[in-house]
Amino acid sequence: MSQPLTLQLIDTHAGGDVSRIVVGGIAPLPGATVRDQMHYLRDDADGLRRLLLEEPYGIPEMSVDLLVPPSDPRAAAGYIIMEVMGYPIYSGSNTICTATAVLESGLVAKVEGRQQFTLESPAGLVQIEALVENGVVEAITCAGLPSYIDTYRASLHVPGLGDVTYSVAYSGGFYALVDATELGFSLVRKEERALADCAHRIVEAIQAERGFSHYTLGDVGPLPFLHFMGPVEQVADGYYRSRSTTYVHPGVICRSTTGTGTSARLALMHHEGRLRPGDRLETISLRETGFIGECIGTRPEGPLTVVDNTITGKGYVLAHSDIVVNCTDPLVECHGLRHILSAGQDAFD
């Protein structure tokens, strides 16, 4: 009887967004960098993403992060982010979850107090600061991708909604930013399905009207995300709070406010003159969880003003588990997966 193929997972969540960290069971992927390995996974082995985000193993609201060896010796680990919409090059909640998992698994030894280490995402090196108290990882602060405003308060007609005003930010992906109050939302949990439907209409209308290009990356595909913004209240000097929620895919509203969504908000508030370097914004989700974004500084990039930022949140470990991959099960689709499975293979072997 052949040994069953298994994947070793650490299930985590940050702000309510569940991230399944794959720590073993996958053979080494080709590629000189983590970005190259992401491209291989996307183009030649997408079965891993589908397996863990679809029935019977998962649901589309989850994310998956595969630990891989870093290409840069300064990084403790590399990680590839997989979500229902594909392979984002960066994600704040996934980074918080991955950093928590590498500490809880012992890949990076915990140090009481504040400690720093580096991870390698498909977007490049990410600086991590962890706060450990009594052996518990209480907070992770990660560098967000530089964010900027591409479009400010444009208007378009959306079928079923009428004229909608939106801005567009880049913060690891292009985000449409809309005022929730203008669209009749209070950003409470009972609105989740209506928010998803509204966002889908707006995103489809924007995609049909225009595309977006990053100032260094060029064409990164159609705008995928929408962030609903609640009113901003100032709760202390340089500290602001706002209810928020992020749409990422038809029918899918993130359970957290998302790190990249929070970074996009920082860019917009700075663009409007409401946020200065050193100021912080706490975004609050439909489930009353939150992330804290901080504007570290700004710099010019041609005609753009780029906001450097960090995102702080707490990751929680939900489970350590082995997933048995049975390719004879009619509910399991192993196409695009079988060739990268390796019994007993650790991510760093």
Foldseek 3Di string as FASTA:
>chain_A
DDDFQKWWWWWKFWLQAIETETFFFFAAADDLAQLRSLVCCQPQFVQVLCQCCDPPRHHQSHKYKYWADGNDPQALIEIWIAHPVGTQQDWQGNVQQVVQVCDVVVSPDDDAAKDWGWYQTSVGIKIWIFHAHPNHGFKIKIWWAWKWWPAAFDWDQFPPQGIFTWTWMDTSAIETEGEQVVSPDPQADVCLQVVLVVVVRVQVRQQVPDADADPPRGGPDGHFKYKYWYDWDDPDVLEIETEMWMHGDRRHIHSARIPSNLSNVQNVCVVVVNHAQQHKYWYAHNVRGTKIKGFNHWDDDVPIIITTIMIMIHMGTDDTDMGGQDCVPPRRDCRSPPVGGDHPGGSYD
